Protein backbone atom coordinates (compact mmCIF):
# COMPACT_ATOMS: atom_id res chain seq x y z
CA MET A 1 -27.56 -0.31 19.12
CA ASP A 2 -27.37 -3.99 18.70
CA LEU A 3 -24.24 -6.15 19.92
CA GLU A 4 -22.69 -6.28 16.57
CA LYS A 5 -22.92 -2.95 15.33
CA ARG A 6 -21.80 -1.72 18.78
CA THR A 7 -18.79 -4.09 18.81
CA ILE A 8 -17.65 -3.18 15.13
CA ALA A 9 -17.82 0.56 15.75
CA ARG A 10 -15.71 0.07 18.89
CA VAL A 11 -13.04 -1.69 17.37
CA THR A 12 -13.13 0.57 14.17
CA ALA A 13 -12.84 3.50 16.23
CA ARG A 14 -10.06 1.91 18.38
CA LEU A 15 -7.88 0.66 15.65
CA ILE A 16 -8.55 2.20 12.01
CA PRO A 17 -7.86 5.90 12.77
CA PHE A 18 -4.22 4.80 14.61
CA LEU A 19 -3.36 2.21 11.80
CA ILE A 20 -4.06 5.11 9.18
CA LEU A 21 -1.64 7.49 11.04
CA CYS A 22 1.00 4.99 10.98
CA TYR A 23 0.57 4.09 7.48
CA PHE A 24 0.48 7.49 6.29
CA VAL A 25 3.78 7.98 7.83
CA ALA A 26 5.20 4.85 6.22
CA TYR A 27 3.86 5.87 2.77
CA LEU A 28 5.10 9.25 3.24
CA ASP A 29 8.71 7.96 4.02
CA ARG A 30 8.38 5.58 1.15
CA VAL A 31 7.39 7.74 -1.72
CA ASN A 32 8.71 11.38 -0.49
CA VAL A 33 11.82 10.55 -2.58
CA GLY A 34 9.82 11.55 -5.53
CA PHE A 35 9.74 15.14 -4.31
CA ALA A 36 13.10 15.26 -2.63
CA ALA A 37 14.10 14.11 -6.64
CA LEU A 38 13.26 17.93 -7.55
CA GLU A 39 16.21 19.14 -5.87
CA MET A 40 18.25 16.14 -4.66
CA ASN A 41 18.81 14.45 -8.42
CA LYS A 42 20.88 17.45 -9.43
CA ALA A 43 22.63 18.03 -6.16
CA ILE A 44 23.97 14.37 -5.94
CA GLY A 45 24.14 13.92 -9.83
CA LEU A 46 21.42 11.30 -10.31
CA THR A 47 20.14 10.68 -14.07
CA ALA A 48 16.23 9.71 -14.18
CA SER A 49 17.22 6.10 -14.91
CA ALA A 50 19.62 6.14 -11.88
CA PHE A 51 16.65 7.66 -9.59
CA GLY A 52 14.35 5.37 -11.21
CA PHE A 53 16.39 2.22 -10.19
CA GLY A 54 17.00 3.84 -6.83
CA ALA A 55 13.23 4.25 -5.99
CA GLY A 56 12.29 1.04 -7.16
CA ILE A 57 15.35 -1.01 -5.71
CA PHE A 58 13.35 -0.43 -2.36
CA PHE A 59 11.12 -3.38 -3.35
CA ILE A 60 13.96 -5.60 -4.30
CA ALA A 61 14.92 -5.79 -0.60
CA TYR A 62 11.18 -5.70 0.51
CA PHE A 63 10.47 -8.84 -1.66
CA PHE A 64 13.07 -10.95 -0.12
CA PHE A 65 12.19 -9.85 3.54
CA GLU A 66 8.38 -9.46 3.36
CA VAL A 67 7.56 -13.41 4.15
CA PRO A 68 9.91 -13.86 7.01
CA SER A 69 8.98 -10.34 8.30
CA ASN A 70 5.13 -11.37 8.27
CA LEU A 71 5.79 -14.69 9.84
CA LEU A 72 7.72 -13.25 12.72
CA LEU A 73 4.80 -10.80 13.26
CA GLU A 74 2.55 -13.61 13.41
CA LYS A 75 4.93 -15.35 16.06
CA PHE A 76 5.98 -12.32 18.32
CA GLY A 77 2.56 -10.07 18.08
CA ALA A 78 1.75 -7.11 16.00
CA HIS A 79 2.62 -4.71 18.74
CA ARG A 80 6.29 -5.67 19.13
CA TRP A 81 7.00 -6.23 15.52
CA ILE A 82 5.37 -3.42 13.86
CA ALA A 83 7.10 -1.13 16.57
CA ARG A 84 10.31 -2.58 15.55
CA ILE A 85 9.60 -1.89 11.99
CA MET A 86 8.69 1.62 12.33
CA LEU A 87 11.75 2.36 14.61
CA THR A 88 14.14 1.01 11.92
CA TRP A 89 12.57 2.65 9.06
CA GLY A 90 12.62 6.01 10.56
CA VAL A 91 16.30 5.86 11.21
CA VAL A 92 17.00 4.73 7.58
CA ALA A 93 14.58 7.48 6.23
CA GLY A 94 16.24 10.29 8.16
CA ALA A 95 19.69 8.97 7.16
CA MET A 96 18.73 9.74 3.41
CA ALA A 97 19.31 13.52 4.34
CA PHE A 98 22.95 12.72 4.77
CA ILE A 99 23.64 11.13 1.33
CA PRO A 100 26.63 13.41 0.62
CA ASN A 101 28.19 13.16 3.92
CA ILE A 102 27.87 9.39 4.14
CA ALA A 103 29.64 9.65 0.46
CA ARG A 104 32.53 11.57 1.82
CA TYR A 105 33.23 9.01 4.83
CA THR A 106 32.89 5.79 2.74
CA GLY A 107 34.57 6.72 -0.42
CA LEU A 108 31.25 5.44 -2.34
CA SER A 109 29.79 7.70 -4.90
CA THR A 110 26.37 9.59 -3.95
CA THR A 111 24.35 7.47 -6.47
CA HIS A 112 25.78 4.02 -4.64
CA VAL A 113 24.84 5.53 -1.15
CA PHE A 114 21.59 6.34 -2.51
CA TYR A 115 20.96 2.89 -3.65
CA ILE A 116 22.28 1.41 -0.45
CA LEU A 117 19.79 3.49 1.61
CA ARG A 118 16.88 2.64 -0.39
CA ILE A 119 17.63 -1.12 -0.18
CA LEU A 120 17.94 -0.71 3.69
CA LEU A 121 14.83 1.00 3.66
CA GLY A 122 12.91 -1.60 2.08
CA ILE A 123 14.54 -4.19 4.70
CA ALA A 124 13.58 -1.96 7.44
CA GLU A 125 9.70 -1.63 6.47
CA ALA A 126 9.18 -5.04 5.11
CA GLY A 127 6.22 -6.81 6.66
CA PHE A 128 4.64 -3.42 7.71
CA PHE A 129 1.76 -3.36 5.27
CA PRO A 130 1.11 -7.22 4.92
CA GLY A 131 1.16 -7.34 8.73
CA ILE A 132 -1.36 -4.73 9.03
CA ILE A 133 -3.58 -6.50 6.40
CA PHE A 134 -3.16 -9.62 8.66
CA LEU A 135 -4.16 -7.87 11.65
CA LEU A 136 -7.31 -6.52 10.24
CA THR A 137 -8.42 -10.22 9.22
CA LEU A 138 -7.71 -10.96 13.28
CA TRP A 139 -10.16 -8.15 13.94
CA PHE A 140 -12.93 -7.90 11.52
CA PRO A 141 -15.33 -10.32 10.19
CA ALA A 142 -15.21 -11.05 6.48
CA LYS A 143 -18.22 -8.75 5.22
CA TYR A 144 -16.55 -5.62 7.02
CA ARG A 145 -13.06 -6.35 5.43
CA ALA A 146 -13.00 -4.43 2.02
CA ARG A 147 -14.48 -1.20 3.73
CA MET A 148 -11.75 -1.34 6.75
CA VAL A 149 -8.78 -2.11 4.40
CA GLY A 150 -10.41 0.69 2.42
CA TYR A 151 -10.29 2.96 5.49
CA PHE A 152 -6.52 1.94 6.46
CA MET A 153 -5.31 2.29 3.00
CA VAL A 154 -6.96 5.82 2.44
CA ALA A 155 -3.44 6.67 4.11
CA ILE A 156 -1.83 6.10 0.44
CA PRO A 157 -3.60 8.85 -1.22
CA LEU A 158 -4.03 10.97 1.94
CA SER A 159 -0.48 10.91 2.40
CA THR A 160 -0.19 12.72 -1.00
CA VAL A 161 -2.88 14.93 -0.66
CA ILE A 162 -1.50 16.17 2.65
CA GLY A 163 2.18 15.32 2.21
CA SER A 164 2.62 16.64 -1.31
CA PRO A 165 2.03 20.45 -0.39
CA ILE A 166 4.19 19.86 2.88
CA SER A 167 6.84 18.23 0.84
CA GLY A 168 6.80 21.15 -1.56
CA ALA A 169 7.16 23.66 1.18
CA LEU A 170 9.94 21.61 2.92
CA LEU A 171 12.00 22.05 -0.22
CA SER A 172 11.81 25.89 0.28
CA MET A 173 13.99 25.75 3.66
CA ASP A 174 17.03 25.44 1.52
CA GLY A 175 19.83 26.77 3.35
CA ILE A 176 18.84 26.58 6.76
CA ALA A 177 21.33 25.41 9.26
CA GLY A 178 23.46 24.48 6.19
CA LEU A 179 21.31 21.97 4.80
CA ALA A 180 19.54 21.64 1.54
CA GLY A 181 15.47 21.65 1.11
CA TRP A 182 15.56 18.02 0.23
CA GLN A 183 17.76 17.27 3.25
CA TRP A 184 15.22 18.73 5.55
CA LEU A 185 12.38 17.17 3.89
CA TYR A 186 14.10 13.64 4.81
CA LEU A 187 14.57 14.77 8.26
CA ILE A 188 11.24 16.24 9.29
CA GLU A 189 9.32 13.50 7.67
CA ALA A 190 11.15 10.83 9.23
CA LEU A 191 10.49 12.20 12.80
CA PRO A 192 6.92 10.64 13.19
CA ALA A 193 7.87 7.03 12.49
CA LEU A 194 10.53 7.25 15.11
CA LEU A 195 7.96 8.94 17.85
CA LEU A 196 5.22 6.38 16.71
CA SER A 197 7.20 3.25 17.16
CA PHE A 198 7.10 3.68 20.74
CA VAL A 199 3.43 4.58 20.89
CA VAL A 200 2.30 1.47 19.14
CA VAL A 201 3.99 -0.73 21.79
CA LEU A 202 1.65 0.56 24.29
CA TYR A 203 -1.48 0.97 22.30
CA LEU A 204 -1.78 -1.83 19.90
CA THR A 205 -3.54 -4.93 20.90
CA ASP A 206 -2.65 -8.16 18.98
CA LYS A 207 -5.96 -10.20 19.07
CA PRO A 208 -9.72 -9.53 20.20
CA ALA A 209 -9.25 -11.99 23.12
CA ASP A 210 -6.74 -9.39 24.64
CA ALA A 211 -8.79 -6.46 24.14
CA THR A 212 -9.56 -5.42 27.71
CA TRP A 213 -11.08 -1.99 26.16
CA LEU A 214 -13.98 -4.09 24.77
CA GLU A 215 -17.13 -4.98 26.91
CA SER A 216 -17.10 -8.68 27.83
CA ASP A 217 -20.10 -9.32 25.50
CA GLU A 218 -18.36 -7.35 22.76
CA ARG A 219 -15.18 -9.46 23.11
CA GLU A 220 -17.30 -12.78 23.44
CA TRP A 221 -19.16 -11.97 20.20
CA LEU A 222 -16.33 -10.86 18.17
CA VAL A 223 -14.03 -14.11 19.33
CA SER A 224 -16.78 -16.60 18.63
CA ARG A 225 -17.78 -14.72 15.10
CA LEU A 226 -14.17 -14.83 13.90
CA ALA A 227 -13.86 -18.49 15.03
CA ARG A 228 -16.95 -19.79 13.10
CA GLU A 229 -15.74 -17.89 10.00
CA ARG A 230 -12.32 -19.68 10.30
CA SER A 231 -13.86 -23.04 10.84
CA GLN A 232 -15.96 -22.56 7.85
CA ARG A 233 -13.09 -21.65 5.48
CA GLU A 234 -11.12 -24.51 7.08
CA ALA A 235 -13.90 -27.01 6.58
CA VAL A 236 -13.51 -26.49 2.95
CA ARG A 237 -9.74 -26.72 3.06
CA LYS A 238 -7.17 -25.92 5.66
CA PHE A 239 -3.80 -24.71 4.02
CA ASN A 240 -0.53 -24.79 5.76
CA VAL A 241 2.13 -22.02 5.63
CA VAL A 242 3.95 -23.87 2.68
CA GLU A 243 0.90 -24.68 0.70
CA ALA A 244 -0.04 -20.94 0.90
CA LEU A 245 2.88 -19.75 -0.33
CA PHE A 246 2.75 -21.63 -3.39
CA ASN A 247 -0.80 -21.95 -3.97
CA PRO A 248 -1.76 -21.04 -7.69
CA ARG A 249 -4.65 -18.74 -6.25
CA VAL A 250 -2.34 -16.91 -4.05
CA LEU A 251 0.06 -16.18 -7.12
CA VAL A 252 -2.75 -15.06 -9.47
CA ILE A 253 -3.88 -12.73 -6.84
CA ALA A 254 0.11 -11.55 -6.49
CA LEU A 255 -0.30 -10.99 -10.50
CA ILE A 256 -3.32 -8.86 -10.09
CA TYR A 257 -1.37 -6.83 -7.15
CA PHE A 258 1.39 -6.54 -9.34
CA GLY A 259 -0.38 -4.72 -12.15
CA ALA A 260 -2.09 -2.49 -9.46
CA VAL A 261 1.52 -1.69 -7.76
CA ALA A 262 2.90 -1.02 -11.29
CA THR A 263 0.34 1.56 -12.15
CA ASN A 264 0.48 3.28 -8.50
CA TYR A 265 4.37 3.63 -7.92
CA GLY A 266 5.30 4.14 -11.47
CA LEU A 267 2.86 7.15 -11.40
CA SER A 268 3.84 8.20 -7.87
CA PHE A 269 7.53 8.60 -7.95
CA PHE A 270 7.42 10.53 -11.26
CA LEU A 271 4.13 12.55 -11.04
CA PRO A 272 5.99 15.32 -9.21
CA GLN A 273 8.32 15.62 -12.35
CA ILE A 274 5.87 15.35 -14.64
CA VAL A 275 3.92 18.44 -13.09
CA LYS A 276 6.85 20.18 -12.52
CA GLY A 277 7.36 20.10 -16.03
CA PHE A 278 3.99 22.30 -16.45
CA GLY A 279 6.18 25.30 -15.49
CA LEU A 280 5.05 25.23 -11.58
CA THR A 281 7.17 26.18 -8.71
CA ASN A 282 7.71 23.31 -6.32
CA LEU A 283 4.73 24.45 -3.75
CA GLN A 284 2.61 24.48 -6.80
CA THR A 285 3.84 21.30 -7.94
CA GLY A 286 2.81 19.80 -4.27
CA PHE A 287 -0.91 21.24 -4.67
CA VAL A 288 -1.47 19.87 -8.15
CA THR A 289 0.07 16.60 -7.31
CA ALA A 290 -2.22 16.03 -4.94
CA ALA A 291 -5.40 16.13 -7.17
CA PRO A 292 -5.49 12.44 -8.19
CA TYR A 293 -4.75 11.39 -4.42
CA ALA A 294 -7.97 13.10 -3.50
CA VAL A 295 -10.04 11.41 -6.05
CA GLY A 296 -8.30 8.19 -4.61
CA VAL A 297 -9.41 8.97 -1.03
CA PHE A 298 -13.06 8.98 -2.13
CA SER A 299 -12.88 5.80 -4.45
CA MET A 300 -11.00 3.97 -1.80
CA ILE A 301 -13.96 4.27 0.75
CA PHE A 302 -16.82 4.13 -2.27
CA TRP A 303 -15.36 1.38 -3.94
CA GLY A 304 -14.65 -0.95 -0.80
CA ARG A 305 -17.97 -0.28 0.66
CA ARG A 306 -19.62 -1.01 -2.42
CA SER A 307 -17.82 -4.28 -2.66
CA ASP A 308 -18.75 -5.47 0.82
CA ARG A 309 -22.59 -4.47 0.08
CA LYS A 310 -22.51 -6.71 -2.78
CA LEU A 311 -19.99 -9.20 -1.43
CA GLU A 312 -18.43 -9.03 -4.95
CA ARG A 313 -14.77 -9.09 -5.52
CA LYS A 314 -13.44 -10.09 -8.96
CA ARG A 315 -15.37 -7.50 -10.97
CA HIS A 316 -14.79 -4.57 -8.51
CA VAL A 317 -11.27 -5.30 -9.01
CA ALA A 318 -11.14 -5.48 -12.70
CA VAL A 319 -13.20 -2.82 -13.51
CA ALA A 320 -11.12 -0.53 -11.35
CA LEU A 321 -7.85 -1.51 -12.87
CA LEU A 322 -9.34 -0.97 -16.28
CA ILE A 323 -10.25 2.55 -15.29
CA ALA A 324 -6.64 2.79 -14.20
CA ALA A 325 -5.33 1.42 -17.21
CA ALA A 326 -7.44 3.80 -19.35
CA GLY A 327 -6.62 6.97 -17.37
CA ILE A 328 -3.09 6.35 -17.65
CA ALA A 329 -3.21 5.66 -21.26
CA GLY A 330 -4.94 8.90 -21.84
CA ALA A 331 -2.52 10.78 -19.83
CA ALA A 332 0.35 9.54 -22.12
CA VAL A 333 -1.21 10.89 -25.37
CA ILE A 334 -2.51 14.30 -23.90
CA ASP A 335 -0.50 17.18 -23.89
CA ASN A 336 -2.49 19.97 -22.54
CA PRO A 337 -1.72 20.27 -18.79
CA VAL A 338 -5.67 20.42 -17.31
CA ALA A 339 -6.64 17.50 -19.53
CA LYS A 340 -3.59 15.40 -18.47
CA MET A 341 -4.37 15.96 -14.84
CA ILE A 342 -8.10 15.02 -15.37
CA ALA A 343 -6.97 11.95 -17.12
CA ILE A 344 -4.44 10.99 -14.29
CA SER A 345 -7.27 11.79 -11.63
CA ILE A 346 -9.66 9.22 -13.46
CA ALA A 347 -6.48 6.80 -13.15
CA GLY A 348 -6.44 7.48 -9.66
CA PHE A 349 -9.95 6.55 -9.09
CA GLY A 350 -9.12 3.19 -10.51
CA ILE A 351 -5.84 2.84 -8.81
CA PHE A 352 -6.92 3.32 -5.43
CA GLY A 353 -10.26 1.67 -5.79
CA CYS A 354 -8.92 -1.75 -6.54
CA LEU A 355 -6.53 -1.77 -3.74
CA PRO A 356 -8.57 -2.63 -0.65
CA VAL A 357 -10.85 -5.24 -2.55
CA ILE A 358 -7.72 -7.00 -3.73
CA TRP A 359 -6.74 -7.87 -0.08
CA THR A 360 -9.98 -9.35 0.54
CA LEU A 361 -9.10 -12.07 -1.78
CA PRO A 362 -6.71 -14.15 0.13
CA ALA A 363 -8.31 -13.64 3.51
CA ALA A 364 -11.33 -15.58 2.01
CA PHE A 365 -9.72 -19.12 1.98
CA LEU A 366 -6.62 -18.54 4.29
CA SER A 367 -6.21 -18.30 8.02
CA GLY A 368 -3.72 -18.21 10.67
CA ALA A 369 -0.04 -18.49 9.76
CA ALA A 370 -1.22 -19.47 6.07
CA ALA A 371 -2.87 -16.18 6.00
CA ALA A 372 0.18 -14.19 7.25
CA GLY A 373 2.25 -15.99 4.71
CA GLY A 374 0.08 -15.88 1.91
CA ILE A 375 -0.57 -12.20 2.34
CA ALA A 376 2.96 -11.40 2.40
CA VAL A 377 3.76 -13.46 -0.58
CA VAL A 378 0.89 -11.58 -2.54
CA ASN A 379 2.43 -8.08 -1.24
CA SER A 380 6.10 -9.38 -1.95
CA ILE A 381 5.40 -10.35 -5.58
CA GLY A 382 3.17 -7.51 -6.27
CA ASN A 383 5.42 -4.86 -4.80
CA LEU A 384 8.06 -6.17 -7.33
CA SER A 385 6.43 -4.01 -9.79
CA GLY A 386 7.40 -1.19 -7.60
CA PHE A 387 10.82 -1.65 -8.90
CA PHE A 388 10.19 -2.42 -12.49
CA GLY A 389 7.58 0.42 -12.86
CA PRO A 390 9.71 3.24 -11.79
CA TYR A 391 12.99 1.83 -13.48
CA ALA A 392 11.00 1.48 -16.48
CA MET A 393 9.73 4.97 -16.53
CA GLY A 394 13.27 6.42 -15.72
CA TRP A 395 14.69 4.33 -18.58
CA ILE A 396 12.28 5.15 -20.95
CA LYS A 397 12.46 8.81 -20.19
CA ASP A 398 16.08 8.85 -20.64
CA SER A 399 15.90 7.10 -23.84
CA THR A 400 13.04 9.01 -25.43
CA GLY A 401 12.96 12.33 -23.48
CA SER A 402 9.43 11.66 -22.87
CA PHE A 403 7.17 10.34 -20.15
CA GLY A 404 4.34 9.33 -22.47
CA PRO A 405 5.89 5.88 -23.30
CA GLY A 406 6.57 5.01 -20.05
CA LEU A 407 3.10 5.75 -18.86
CA LEU A 408 1.82 3.48 -21.66
CA CYS A 409 3.84 0.83 -20.30
CA LEU A 410 2.24 1.27 -16.84
CA ALA A 411 -1.17 1.20 -18.45
CA GLY A 412 -0.17 -2.14 -19.87
CA ALA A 413 0.70 -3.63 -16.61
CA GLY A 414 -2.87 -2.40 -15.49
CA LEU A 415 -4.39 -4.49 -18.32
CA VAL A 416 -2.30 -7.61 -17.11
CA GLY A 417 -4.02 -7.20 -13.72
CA VAL A 418 -7.45 -6.82 -15.31
CA VAL A 419 -6.89 -10.11 -17.17
CA ALA A 420 -5.64 -11.88 -13.94
CA ALA A 421 -8.61 -10.90 -12.08
CA LEU A 422 -11.04 -12.22 -14.74
CA LEU A 423 -9.30 -15.64 -14.82
CA LEU A 424 -9.16 -15.78 -10.75
CA HIS A 425 -11.22 -18.44 -9.03
CA HIS A 426 -12.96 -17.05 -6.08
CA ASP A 427 -15.83 -17.90 -3.95
CA SER A 428 -17.44 -15.24 -2.14
CA ALA A 429 -19.50 -17.75 -0.13
CA LEU A 430 -16.40 -18.63 1.67
CA GLU A 431 -16.41 -15.32 3.20
CA GLY A 432 -19.61 -15.95 5.02
CA ARG A 433 -22.37 -13.11 5.85
CA ALA A 434 -23.12 -12.10 9.44
CA GLY A 435 -22.88 -15.57 11.04
CA GLU A 436 -25.01 -17.25 8.38
CA PRO A 437 -23.85 -20.69 7.77
CA ALA A 438 -21.69 -21.36 4.85
CA GLY A 439 -23.12 -21.76 1.47
CA HIS A 440 -25.61 -18.83 1.56
CA ASP A 441 -25.50 -15.63 -0.53
CA GLU A 442 -26.21 -12.11 0.72
CA GLY A 443 -30.08 -12.69 0.65
CA GLY A 444 -29.69 -15.82 2.69
CA HIS A 445 -30.53 -18.12 -0.40
CA LYS A 446 -28.85 -21.55 -0.60
CA ARG A 447 -25.46 -21.46 -2.73
CA VAL A 448 -23.38 -24.29 -3.74
CA LEU A 449 -19.53 -23.87 -2.72
CA ASP A 450 -17.55 -23.91 -6.04
CA THR A 451 -14.21 -25.37 -4.44
């Protein structure tokens, strides 16, 4: 095996499975509120719109703390900062189980306690996802990034494929030790974050130069390769943090991500309730809900590898988002449960296929602290739709008695992302290829940089 393949294989084996595990836990703690809602909403008196507001307000807090958190990660190092994030979100996620108790002791309504804890969870988790994306740019050359981000982000659908049946089963623990099933769900699913926070400190390495677990020739090759790519980008234009935060291209990428996240979270938070409406038990709901996410596991890996192979980003994002919008729109107008789930599964292919490719876009022209800030801007603005999507779904459901119009709104958000992707200026030549000089395409032919 040559040096490049050996190095990438060793870095992949060391980092990716562990990061998948961490994000699996993070995402499960973020969206398990959708399953808890099957019992919790009635228990604490939440309407569909109040639930949607509380589920989504997480992202408002996330928005305000995302950029500062990612800049602090760049300053203090990934292993320390990510451990801090996991510890605090684990504590808050577990506290969700005690909403009625907190309400009694504080005199607040259970609805307001629900809102406050979701806000605190957003503050605690802010910076985790963009921090990992930034970390991956420090470890993998550009031509590997879409597939590596895809491998990492496979934790999103995987958390539902595995987590949905588990969450459905945990709801059956109702009455054990005097706690309701939804309380056990929050408690048990918060524990892994607390435990992993201590492992992160010991296991995670911040940058290749510190990787004693690499052979010296592997470490030298990786440091040199990443330095050449950074020099190539900065020779065209070097951005500082402030320029990155307000760069028009960064803001367009954020709009693309806004559309993608709206389709994802708007569906994720309400899909268990949609499926439960088919007349299924909680456990059956868990298994059926997992289907679109199983498709998503495949699409993330397949679509990310395809984008890397062709070194093409814009069309891969646009086509995937178009598939997502079409699938969600189809589900909105279909009543048959089987056909509706097929449409949602088609949407799942598009939703999850576009995500890893989107994250290659800012890393193609930003580096260092500017990349940390730019990635955080994209994630924070994009995740605002994590508030608007669920809140709109809940409000429309209360107003119309149906999820159909809300699903059409999510499809519209996906189309906004399609248009933004097609309008984006993106130069794949800046991503480089296997150490070739800038300005050459995948075949090694001379290419003019459009900057």
